[in-house]
């Protein structure tokens, strides 16, 4: 997991490990995928997940 110290300053040191995100063109949202390959979460606000690696959409 990424380090977030000091707490509340709004930035992350390093990337979140074993997670990726992919863009869903149908819903126009970003979806986070966990280490086991299953989808974990869907972003409801605009933008990408912070500090999570992106997959290629080919």
C-alpha atoms as a PDB file:
ATOM      1  CA  UNK A   1       0.000   0.000   0.000  1.00  0.00           C
ATOM      2  CA  UNK A   2       1.156   3.553  -0.600  1.00  0.00           C
ATOM      3  CA  UNK A   3       2.464   5.852   2.104  1.00  0.00           C
ATOM      4  CA  UNK A   4       0.351   8.908   2.886  1.00  0.00           C
ATOM      5  CA  UNK A   5       2.256  10.813   5.540  1.00  0.00           C
ATOM      6  CA  UNK A   6       1.710  13.457   6.785  1.00  0.00           C
ATOM      7  CA  UNK A   7      -2.010  12.733   6.814  1.00  0.00           C
ATOM      8  CA  UNK A   8      -4.289  15.266   5.144  1.00  0.00           C
ATOM      9  CA  UNK A   9      -1.813  17.025   2.867  1.00  0.00           C
ATOM     10  CA  UNK A  10      -3.416  15.600  -0.303  1.00  0.00           C
ATOM     11  CA  UNK A  11      -0.501  13.749  -1.918  1.00  0.00           C
ATOM     12  CA  UNK A  12       0.743  10.172  -2.092  1.00  0.00           C
ATOM     13  CA  UNK A  13       4.325   8.883  -2.038  1.00  0.00           C
ATOM     14  CA  UNK A  14       4.580   5.985  -4.478  1.00  0.00           C
ATOM     15  CA  UNK A  15       1.928   4.028  -6.327  1.00  0.00           C
ATOM     16  CA  UNK A  16      -0.786   1.720  -5.017  1.00  0.00           C
ATOM     17  CA  UNK A  17       0.547  -1.827  -5.497  1.00  0.00           C
ATOM     18  CA  UNK A  18      -1.274  -4.686  -7.279  1.00  0.00           C
ATOM     19  CA  UNK A  19      -4.122  -2.516  -8.560  1.00  0.00           C
ATOM     20  CA  UNK A  20      -4.904  -1.097 -11.975  1.00  0.00           C
ATOM     21  CA  UNK A  21      -7.624   1.036 -13.461  1.00  0.00           C
ATOM     22  CA  UNK A  22      -9.354   0.832 -16.799  1.00  0.00           C
ATOM     23  CA  UNK A  23     -11.617   3.325 -18.564  1.00  0.00           C
ATOM     24  CA  UNK A  24     -15.143   2.158 -19.405  1.00  0.00           C
ATOM     25  CA  UNK A  25     -16.338   4.021 -22.502  1.00  0.00           C
ATOM     26  CA  UNK A  26     -19.939   2.892 -22.071  1.00  0.00           C
ATOM     27  CA  UNK A  27     -20.390   4.438 -18.624  1.00  0.00           C
ATOM     28  CA  UNK A  28     -17.692   7.133 -19.122  1.00  0.00           C
ATOM     29  CA  UNK A  29     -16.122   6.181 -15.750  1.00  0.00           C
ATOM     30  CA  UNK A  30     -12.863   4.674 -14.428  1.00  0.00           C
ATOM     31  CA  UNK A  31     -13.009   1.208 -12.802  1.00  0.00           C
ATOM     32  CA  UNK A  32     -10.425  -0.122 -10.346  1.00  0.00           C
ATOM     33  CA  UNK A  33      -9.266  -3.760 -10.648  1.00  0.00           C
ATOM     34  CA  UNK A  34      -7.841  -5.650  -7.658  1.00  0.00           C
ATOM     35  CA  UNK A  35      -4.894  -8.045  -7.455  1.00  0.00           C
ATOM     36  CA  UNK A  36      -7.116 -11.072  -8.167  1.00  0.00           C
ATOM     37  CA  UNK A  37      -8.362  -9.534 -11.451  1.00  0.00           C
ATOM     38  CA  UNK A  38     -11.881  -8.733 -10.266  1.00  0.00           C
ATOM     39  CA  UNK A  39     -13.333  -5.237 -10.374  1.00  0.00           C
ATOM     40  CA  UNK A  40     -13.275  -3.492  -6.996  1.00  0.00           C
ATOM     41  CA  UNK A  41     -14.688  -0.012  -7.367  1.00  0.00           C
ATOM     42  CA  UNK A  42     -16.082   2.440  -9.894  1.00  0.00           C
ATOM     43  CA  UNK A  43     -15.247   6.136  -9.795  1.00  0.00           C
ATOM     44  CA  UNK A  44     -18.444   8.195  -9.537  1.00  0.00           C
ATOM     45  CA  UNK A  45     -16.866  11.633  -9.824  1.00  0.00           C
ATOM     46  CA  UNK A  46     -14.926  12.793 -12.868  1.00  0.00           C
ATOM     47  CA  UNK A  47     -11.268  11.922 -13.239  1.00  0.00           C
ATOM     48  CA  UNK A  48      -9.056   8.951 -12.523  1.00  0.00           C
ATOM     49  CA  UNK A  49      -8.168   7.136  -9.314  1.00  0.00           C
ATOM     50  CA  UNK A  50      -5.201   8.749  -7.586  1.00  0.00           C
ATOM     51  CA  UNK A  51      -1.957   6.781  -7.680  1.00  0.00           C
ATOM     52  CA  UNK A  52      -3.370   3.701  -9.441  1.00  0.00           C
ATOM     53  CA  UNK A  53      -1.687   2.358 -12.582  1.00  0.00           C
ATOM     54  CA  UNK A  54      -3.688   2.452 -15.837  1.00  0.00           C
ATOM     55  CA  UNK A  55      -4.203  -0.504 -18.190  1.00  0.00           C
ATOM     56  CA  UNK A  56      -3.979  -0.259 -21.965  1.00  0.00           C
ATOM     57  CA  UNK A  57      -7.355  -0.136 -23.686  1.00  0.00           C
ATOM     58  CA  UNK A  58      -6.657  -1.953 -26.937  1.00  0.00           C
END
